[in-house]
Amino acid sequence: MSEYQYYEFQALDRPLSPEEQEQLREISTRARITATSFTNTYNWGDLSGNPRRMVERYFDAHLYVTNWGTHRLLLRLPKQALDLPMVKPYCLDHQVDAWTTRTHLLLDLTSEDEVGDWIEGADDSLAALIGVRDELATGDLRPLYLAWLSALSAWELEDDGEAEYQTCPEPPVPAGLGELTAPQRALADFLRVDDDLLTVAAQASPAAPKKSARPTKKELTPLIAALPQKEKDALLLRLALGPEPGLHAELLHRLHGTTAPATAPGRHSAAHLLDAAHTRRTERRQRAEQKRAAARAQHLTTLASEAESTWQQIEAHITTKKTTAYDQAVTLLVELRDAYAHTGRSTDFRQRLSNLREEYQRRPGLIQRLDRHGLR
């Protein structure tokens, strides 16, 4: 399989100027560049620019996917929308990183899985994930906790990290982990968050407060009235100066800052969460195996009760003298063997099989298939 790398950048809060688009063209002559986006796919070579620097300077979101297992999401938010001290407890090694520029806070979320299956032609797009940026801007920290869980799963795979698991504290647990939004579910899938680990972590998560999709006039009026006059004047001035796409989200965050989804203090170590997830995973797999075994037993019991009909099907397949029909006959015989054994009638099966082999001993293709499957 050839190498595959996909780069997508999006400018959300303001369009790129013609001069900025020309600067980006110097980074890549093949990329598709518009006033709001930069996309390119590489099957050889690589992007000459640094994605971190590109997001710091030009873009608000970046997605990177490779066929060797790298999933990466970079987000840029105005500093006033999300505080770095609030983000830092969720940072873990290189999988979750955060830093600030003069005007913005940046998040770098990465998942690596070199042994996972690569789906060629999969829909690689920021569209499903971009909503988490607005959620973070309004104080919803669930995306950060999901990224921390993803990093924790990767950390578990390291051979020498057990001591760190015992001392690594759980960050604040956001409300609503048991009821993720669509963008958050997409982020969990993109970062390969382990479902058992998420379920265990969600047990300590408070319920998400119920609120309308759009704030009402009745809800907003007292909140706006409570804003300091100087702050209201500054917001009105920014509005009057021209379009500022991030202003709406920033204002809502400012108004609802005290009512953003709550967090509960982290109570567990990383080791506790990983052990609890392992226990849940083991129990779930055992239940699934028991269910499969019960279904198999029921199937074999039913098959044994209808054995004569199956023997007739086998005879019909063999008499066609076709190799594909021989394969079908052998498949049915293997199932019958298990069904007779399940009901304690293995001797009866061996006798019927011996008679069948004797009757069709001049069919070498059939006999070879019987021998290959241990039907002697």
Protein backbone atom coordinates (compact mmCIF):
# COMPACT_ATOMS: atom_id res chain seq x y z
CA MET A 1 0.00 0.00 0.00
CA SER A 2 1.34 3.44 -0.88
CA GLU A 3 1.89 6.15 1.70
CA TYR A 4 -1.13 8.34 2.48
CA GLN A 5 -1.24 11.66 4.34
CA TYR A 6 -4.20 14.02 4.47
CA TYR A 7 -3.93 17.64 5.65
CA GLU A 8 -6.91 19.93 6.16
CA PHE A 9 -6.86 23.42 7.65
CA GLN A 10 -9.87 25.70 8.24
CA ALA A 11 -10.05 29.44 8.95
CA LEU A 12 -13.25 30.04 10.91
CA ASP A 13 -13.06 33.39 12.71
CA ARG A 14 -11.86 35.41 9.72
CA PRO A 15 -11.09 34.76 6.04
CA LEU A 16 -7.52 34.65 4.74
CA SER A 17 -6.35 37.72 2.88
CA PRO A 18 -4.99 37.39 -0.70
CA GLU A 19 -1.52 38.03 0.70
CA GLU A 20 -1.89 35.22 3.23
CA GLN A 21 -3.12 32.86 0.52
CA GLU A 22 0.00 33.66 -1.51
CA GLN A 23 2.17 32.92 1.53
CA LEU A 24 0.46 29.55 1.89
CA ARG A 25 1.00 28.84 -1.81
CA GLU A 26 4.73 29.05 -1.12
CA ILE A 27 4.30 26.17 1.33
CA SER A 28 2.52 23.97 -1.23
CA THR A 29 1.99 24.43 -4.95
CA ARG A 30 -0.45 21.50 -5.15
CA ALA A 31 -2.73 22.29 -2.21
CA ARG A 32 -6.29 23.51 -2.69
CA ILE A 33 -6.27 26.95 -1.07
CA THR A 34 -9.29 29.19 -0.55
CA ALA A 35 -10.06 32.15 1.67
CA THR A 36 -11.12 29.72 4.42
CA SER A 37 -9.25 26.46 3.80
CA PHE A 38 -6.07 24.61 2.85
CA THR A 39 -6.28 20.92 1.90
CA ASN A 40 -3.82 18.49 0.37
CA THR A 41 -3.19 14.76 0.09
CA TYR A 42 0.29 13.25 -0.16
CA ASN A 43 1.16 9.81 -1.52
CA TRP A 44 4.83 10.72 -1.52
CA GLY A 45 6.73 13.61 0.00
CA ASP A 46 5.28 15.73 2.79
CA LEU A 47 4.03 19.18 3.72
CA SER A 48 6.95 21.60 3.89
CA GLY A 49 5.29 23.84 6.46
CA ASN A 50 4.93 23.27 10.20
CA PRO A 51 1.24 22.63 11.05
CA ARG A 52 1.60 24.22 14.49
CA ARG A 53 3.01 27.43 13.04
CA MET A 54 0.37 27.44 10.30
CA VAL A 55 -2.44 27.20 12.86
CA GLU A 56 -0.83 29.85 15.06
CA ARG A 57 -0.67 32.27 12.13
CA TYR A 58 -3.53 31.48 9.76
CA PHE A 59 -6.07 28.86 10.84
CA ASP A 60 -8.48 27.90 13.61
CA ALA A 61 -8.58 24.12 13.05
CA HIS A 62 -6.39 21.44 11.48
CA LEU A 63 -6.94 17.73 10.84
CA TYR A 64 -4.17 15.28 9.92
CA VAL A 65 -4.68 11.59 9.06
CA THR A 66 -2.18 8.99 7.80
CA ASN A 67 -2.44 5.36 6.77
CA TRP A 68 0.17 4.40 9.39
CA GLY A 69 -2.26 5.29 12.17
CA THR A 70 -1.78 8.96 13.07
CA HIS A 71 -4.89 11.00 13.88
CA ARG A 72 -4.26 14.61 14.86
CA LEU A 73 -6.53 17.58 15.59
CA LEU A 74 -5.28 21.12 16.22
CA LEU A 75 -7.66 23.83 17.46
CA ARG A 76 -7.11 27.56 17.98
CA LEU A 77 -9.41 29.59 20.22
CA PRO A 78 -9.31 33.22 21.40
CA LYS A 79 -7.53 33.48 24.74
CA GLN A 80 -10.60 34.91 26.41
CA ALA A 81 -12.64 31.84 25.40
CA LEU A 82 -10.52 29.26 27.24
CA ASP A 83 -7.87 29.67 29.92
CA LEU A 84 -4.59 27.75 29.74
CA PRO A 85 -4.61 26.94 33.51
CA MET A 86 -8.02 25.30 32.98
CA VAL A 87 -6.64 23.18 30.12
CA LYS A 88 -3.32 22.11 31.65
CA PRO A 89 -4.70 19.35 33.95
CA TYR A 90 -5.87 17.49 30.82
CA CYS A 91 -2.48 17.59 29.06
CA LEU A 92 -0.64 14.27 28.99
CA ASP A 93 2.70 13.65 27.25
CA HIS A 94 2.67 14.58 23.58
CA GLN A 95 -0.87 13.30 22.95
CA VAL A 96 -2.56 16.32 24.56
CA ASP A 97 -0.69 19.61 24.48
CA ALA A 98 -1.70 23.25 24.90
CA TRP A 99 0.08 26.60 24.62
CA THR A 100 -0.71 30.23 24.00
CA THR A 101 0.30 32.98 21.61
CA ARG A 102 -0.29 36.66 22.22
CA THR A 103 -3.94 36.34 21.19
CA HIS A 104 -4.92 32.67 21.17
CA LEU A 105 -4.86 29.36 23.00
CA LEU A 106 -3.96 26.28 20.92
CA LEU A 107 -4.75 22.62 21.52
CA ASP A 108 -2.90 19.70 19.92
CA LEU A 109 -4.72 16.35 20.26
CA THR A 110 -3.07 13.21 18.81
CA SER A 111 -3.80 9.49 18.63
CA GLU A 112 -1.38 6.88 17.25
CA ASP A 113 -2.32 3.31 16.32
CA GLU A 114 0.23 1.57 14.10
CA VAL A 115 -1.50 -1.82 14.29
CA GLY A 116 -5.04 -0.65 13.59
CA ASP A 117 -6.87 -1.27 10.32
CA TRP A 118 -6.66 1.46 7.71
CA ILE A 119 -9.82 2.05 5.68
CA GLU A 120 -8.75 3.34 2.28
CA GLY A 121 -11.11 5.95 0.92
CA ALA A 122 -12.53 6.81 4.36
CA ASP A 123 -14.17 10.22 4.71
CA ASP A 124 -11.43 12.35 6.28
CA SER A 125 -12.93 15.70 7.16
CA LEU A 126 -13.02 18.32 9.88
CA ALA A 127 -16.78 18.70 9.41
CA ALA A 128 -17.77 16.14 12.05
CA LEU A 129 -15.24 17.41 14.61
CA ILE A 130 -15.31 21.18 14.28
CA GLY A 131 -18.25 21.54 16.66
CA VAL A 132 -16.04 20.74 19.67
CA ARG A 133 -14.30 24.09 19.16
CA ASP A 134 -17.52 26.00 19.86
CA GLU A 135 -18.26 23.69 22.79
CA LEU A 136 -14.89 24.43 24.34
CA ALA A 137 -15.45 28.14 23.79
CA THR A 138 -18.66 27.96 25.82
CA GLY A 139 -16.94 26.19 28.73
CA ASP A 140 -17.76 22.55 27.93
CA LEU A 141 -14.63 20.61 28.91
CA ARG A 142 -15.80 17.17 27.80
CA PRO A 143 -13.62 17.28 24.62
CA LEU A 144 -10.53 17.84 26.80
CA TYR A 145 -11.41 14.92 29.08
CA LEU A 146 -11.95 12.67 26.05
CA ALA A 147 -8.51 13.63 24.75
CA TRP A 148 -7.01 12.82 28.17
CA LEU A 149 -8.66 9.38 28.13
CA SER A 150 -7.26 8.75 24.65
CA ALA A 151 -3.77 9.67 25.84
CA LEU A 152 -4.22 7.47 28.90
CA SER A 153 -5.03 4.47 26.71
CA ALA A 154 -1.87 5.06 24.69
CA TRP A 155 0.15 5.48 27.88
CA GLU A 156 -1.11 2.09 29.10
CA LEU A 157 0.66 0.39 26.17
CA GLU A 158 4.09 1.56 27.36
CA ASP A 159 6.13 -1.06 29.19
CA ASP A 160 7.62 1.13 31.92
CA GLY A 161 4.73 3.38 32.92
CA GLU A 162 3.14 1.50 35.84
CA ALA A 163 4.65 3.75 38.51
CA GLU A 164 3.37 6.82 36.69
CA TYR A 165 -0.16 5.32 36.52
CA GLN A 166 -0.27 5.15 40.32
CA THR A 167 0.64 8.82 40.80
CA CYS A 168 -1.01 10.41 37.75
CA PRO A 169 -4.17 12.15 39.01
CA GLU A 170 -7.46 12.25 37.16
CA PRO A 171 -8.26 15.80 35.94
CA PRO A 172 -11.58 17.46 36.79
CA VAL A 173 -14.44 15.30 35.48
CA PRO A 174 -16.88 17.31 33.32
CA ALA A 175 -20.61 16.84 33.55
CA GLY A 176 -22.34 14.84 30.87
CA LEU A 177 -19.67 12.25 29.97
CA GLY A 178 -22.43 9.67 29.77
CA GLU A 179 -24.32 11.67 27.15
CA LEU A 180 -21.88 13.05 24.60
CA THR A 181 -22.87 15.45 21.85
CA ALA A 182 -22.47 14.40 18.21
CA PRO A 183 -19.16 16.31 17.78
CA GLN A 184 -17.86 14.81 21.04
CA ARG A 185 -18.80 11.29 19.92
CA ALA A 186 -16.98 11.94 16.64
CA LEU A 187 -13.95 13.19 18.59
CA ALA A 188 -13.98 10.09 20.81
CA ASP A 189 -13.99 7.89 17.71
CA PHE A 190 -11.28 9.96 16.00
CA LEU A 191 -9.00 9.78 19.05
CA ARG A 192 -9.86 6.09 19.56
CA VAL A 193 -11.14 6.53 23.12
CA ASP A 194 -11.69 3.10 24.66
CA ASP A 195 -15.42 2.61 25.31
CA ASP A 196 -14.84 0.68 28.54
CA LEU A 197 -12.53 3.38 29.87
CA LEU A 198 -15.08 6.07 28.96
CA THR A 199 -17.90 4.14 30.65
CA VAL A 200 -15.88 3.76 33.85
CA ALA A 201 -14.91 7.44 33.87
CA ALA A 202 -18.49 8.55 33.20
CA GLN A 203 -19.63 6.95 36.46
CA ALA A 204 -18.17 9.92 38.35
CA SER A 205 -19.53 12.50 35.89
CA PRO A 206 -22.47 14.65 37.03
CA ALA A 207 -25.47 14.82 34.74
CA ALA A 208 -25.25 17.56 32.13
CA PRO A 209 -27.54 20.50 32.85
CA LYS A 210 -30.54 20.65 30.56
CA LYS A 211 -30.60 23.78 28.47
CA SER A 212 -32.23 24.92 25.26
CA ALA A 213 -30.24 24.78 22.04
CA ARG A 214 -30.64 28.57 21.66
CA PRO A 215 -30.75 30.89 24.68
CA THR A 216 -34.01 32.76 25.01
CA LYS A 217 -34.53 36.50 25.29
CA LYS A 218 -35.78 35.97 28.84
CA GLU A 219 -32.55 34.13 29.77
CA LEU A 220 -30.20 36.65 28.15
CA THR A 221 -31.76 39.94 29.28
CA PRO A 222 -30.67 39.79 32.96
CA LEU A 223 -27.26 38.41 32.03
CA ILE A 224 -26.59 41.28 29.63
CA ALA A 225 -27.86 43.81 32.18
CA ALA A 226 -25.36 42.45 34.69
CA LEU A 227 -22.34 43.04 32.43
CA PRO A 228 -20.10 45.97 33.46
CA GLN A 229 -20.76 49.07 31.35
CA LYS A 230 -17.15 49.22 30.16
CA GLU A 231 -17.31 45.63 28.89
CA LYS A 232 -20.61 46.25 27.10
CA ASP A 233 -19.14 49.30 25.38
CA ALA A 234 -16.12 47.27 24.22
CA LEU A 235 -18.34 44.50 22.81
CA LEU A 236 -20.54 47.03 20.96
CA LEU A 237 -17.47 48.71 19.50
CA ARG A 238 -16.13 45.41 18.18
CA LEU A 239 -19.55 44.66 16.67
CA ALA A 240 -19.69 48.06 14.99
CA LEU A 241 -16.20 47.69 13.49
CA GLY A 242 -17.30 44.81 11.29
CA PRO A 243 -17.95 41.05 11.08
CA GLU A 244 -16.16 39.04 13.75
CA PRO A 245 -17.32 35.43 13.59
CA GLY A 246 -15.91 34.53 17.01
CA LEU A 247 -17.72 37.35 18.76
CA HIS A 248 -21.02 35.49 19.12
CA ALA A 249 -19.45 32.45 20.80
CA GLU A 250 -17.28 34.69 22.98
CA LEU A 251 -20.28 36.71 24.16
CA LEU A 252 -22.30 33.59 24.99
CA HIS A 253 -19.33 32.18 26.89
CA ARG A 254 -19.03 35.45 28.82
CA LEU A 255 -22.74 35.46 29.63
CA HIS A 256 -22.96 31.79 30.57
CA GLY A 257 -19.47 31.52 32.06
CA THR A 258 -20.84 30.91 35.52
CA THR A 259 -23.36 28.34 34.28
CA ALA A 260 -21.13 26.24 32.00
CA PRO A 261 -21.33 22.47 32.47
CA ALA A 262 -19.98 21.68 35.92
CA THR A 263 -16.96 19.56 36.72
CA ALA A 264 -16.38 17.23 39.63
CA PRO A 265 -12.91 16.91 41.17
CA GLY A 266 -10.98 13.93 39.82
CA ARG A 267 -11.00 11.27 42.52
CA HIS A 268 -9.02 8.45 40.95
CA SER A 269 -5.52 7.73 39.73
CA ALA A 270 -4.85 6.72 36.16
CA ALA A 271 -4.12 3.20 37.43
CA HIS A 272 -7.54 2.93 39.06
CA LEU A 273 -9.33 3.93 35.85
CA LEU A 274 -7.24 1.59 33.70
CA ASP A 275 -7.77 -1.34 36.10
CA ALA A 276 -11.52 -0.71 36.28
CA ALA A 277 -11.72 -0.53 32.49
CA HIS A 278 -9.77 -3.78 32.19
CA THR A 279 -12.14 -5.50 34.63
CA ARG A 280 -15.19 -4.24 32.76
CA ARG A 281 -13.72 -5.28 29.41
CA THR A 282 -12.96 -8.78 30.70
CA GLU A 283 -16.44 -9.23 32.17
CA ARG A 284 -18.07 -7.93 28.98
CA ARG A 285 -16.08 -10.34 26.82
CA GLN A 286 -16.95 -13.23 29.15
CA ARG A 287 -20.64 -12.40 28.88
CA ALA A 288 -20.37 -12.20 25.10
CA GLU A 289 -18.56 -15.55 24.98
CA GLN A 290 -21.20 -17.15 27.18
CA LYS A 291 -23.91 -15.77 24.91
CA ARG A 292 -22.15 -17.13 21.83
CA ALA A 293 -21.69 -20.52 23.50
CA ALA A 294 -25.37 -20.67 24.43
CA ALA A 295 -26.41 -19.75 20.89
CA ARG A 296 -24.04 -22.38 19.48
CA ALA A 297 -25.42 -25.04 21.81
CA GLN A 298 -28.99 -24.20 20.77
CA HIS A 299 -28.00 -24.35 17.10
CA LEU A 300 -26.38 -27.77 17.53
CA THR A 301 -29.39 -29.12 19.43
CA THR A 302 -31.73 -27.98 16.66
CA LEU A 303 -29.44 -29.37 13.97
CA ALA A 304 -29.29 -32.76 15.70
CA SER A 305 -33.08 -32.92 15.83
CA GLU A 306 -33.20 -32.30 12.06
CA ALA A 307 -30.28 -34.59 11.20
CA GLU A 308 -32.09 -36.68 8.58
CA SER A 309 -32.95 -33.61 6.52
CA THR A 310 -29.29 -32.53 6.65
CA TRP A 311 -28.08 -35.98 5.56
CA GLN A 312 -30.38 -35.68 2.54
CA GLN A 313 -28.88 -32.30 1.67
CA ILE A 314 -25.40 -33.82 1.88
CA GLU A 315 -26.36 -36.65 -0.47
CA ALA A 316 -27.86 -34.16 -2.92
CA HIS A 317 -24.67 -32.09 -2.97
CA ILE A 318 -22.45 -35.14 -3.52
CA THR A 319 -24.49 -36.52 -6.41
CA THR A 320 -23.93 -33.34 -8.46
CA LYS A 321 -20.21 -34.30 -8.75
CA LYS A 322 -19.24 -30.60 -8.56
CA THR A 323 -16.29 -29.46 -6.48
CA THR A 324 -18.22 -26.53 -5.00
CA ALA A 325 -21.00 -28.94 -4.01
CA TYR A 326 -18.41 -31.20 -2.34
CA ASP A 327 -17.30 -28.21 -0.25
CA GLN A 328 -20.90 -27.54 0.79
CA ALA A 329 -21.37 -31.20 1.72
CA VAL A 330 -18.22 -31.20 3.85
CA THR A 331 -19.32 -28.00 5.63
CA LEU A 332 -22.63 -29.65 6.54
CA LEU A 333 -20.83 -32.80 7.70
CA VAL A 334 -18.57 -30.83 10.03
CA GLU A 335 -21.65 -29.17 11.55
CA LEU A 336 -23.39 -32.56 11.89
CA ARG A 337 -20.35 -34.06 13.59
CA ASP A 338 -20.48 -31.29 16.22
CA ALA A 339 -24.25 -31.66 16.60
CA TYR A 340 -24.04 -35.44 17.16
CA ALA A 341 -21.19 -34.91 19.67
CA HIS A 342 -23.22 -32.24 21.47
CA THR A 343 -26.14 -34.63 21.92
CA GLY A 344 -23.96 -37.63 22.87
CA ARG A 345 -24.40 -39.56 19.61
CA SER A 346 -20.89 -39.51 18.16
CA THR A 347 -20.98 -43.28 17.52
CA ASP A 348 -24.06 -42.87 15.31
CA PHE A 349 -22.34 -40.14 13.31
CA ARG A 350 -19.18 -42.20 12.77
CA GLN A 351 -21.29 -45.10 11.45
CA ARG A 352 -23.19 -42.90 8.99
CA LEU A 353 -19.95 -41.26 7.87
CA SER A 354 -18.29 -44.69 7.35
CA ASN A 355 -21.20 -45.74 5.17
CA LEU A 356 -20.97 -42.53 3.15
CA ARG A 357 -17.21 -42.89 2.59
CA GLU A 358 -17.67 -46.46 1.43
CA GLU A 359 -20.47 -45.53 -0.96
CA TYR A 360 -18.47 -42.71 -2.56
CA GLN A 361 -14.95 -44.15 -2.27
CA ARG A 362 -14.42 -43.64 -6.02
CA ARG A 363 -14.83 -39.89 -5.67
CA PRO A 364 -11.23 -38.82 -4.89
CA GLY A 365 -12.13 -35.12 -4.74
CA LEU A 366 -14.71 -35.80 -2.06
CA ILE A 367 -12.53 -38.23 -0.09
CA GLN A 368 -9.61 -35.75 -0.05
CA ARG A 369 -11.88 -33.07 1.37
CA LEU A 370 -13.21 -35.43 4.02
CA ASP A 371 -9.68 -36.38 5.06
CA ARG A 372 -8.58 -32.76 5.15
CA HIS A 373 -11.33 -31.96 7.64
CA GLY A 374 -10.74 -35.01 9.82
CA LEU A 375 -13.92 -36.75 8.66
CA ARG A 376 -12.57 -40.30 8.71
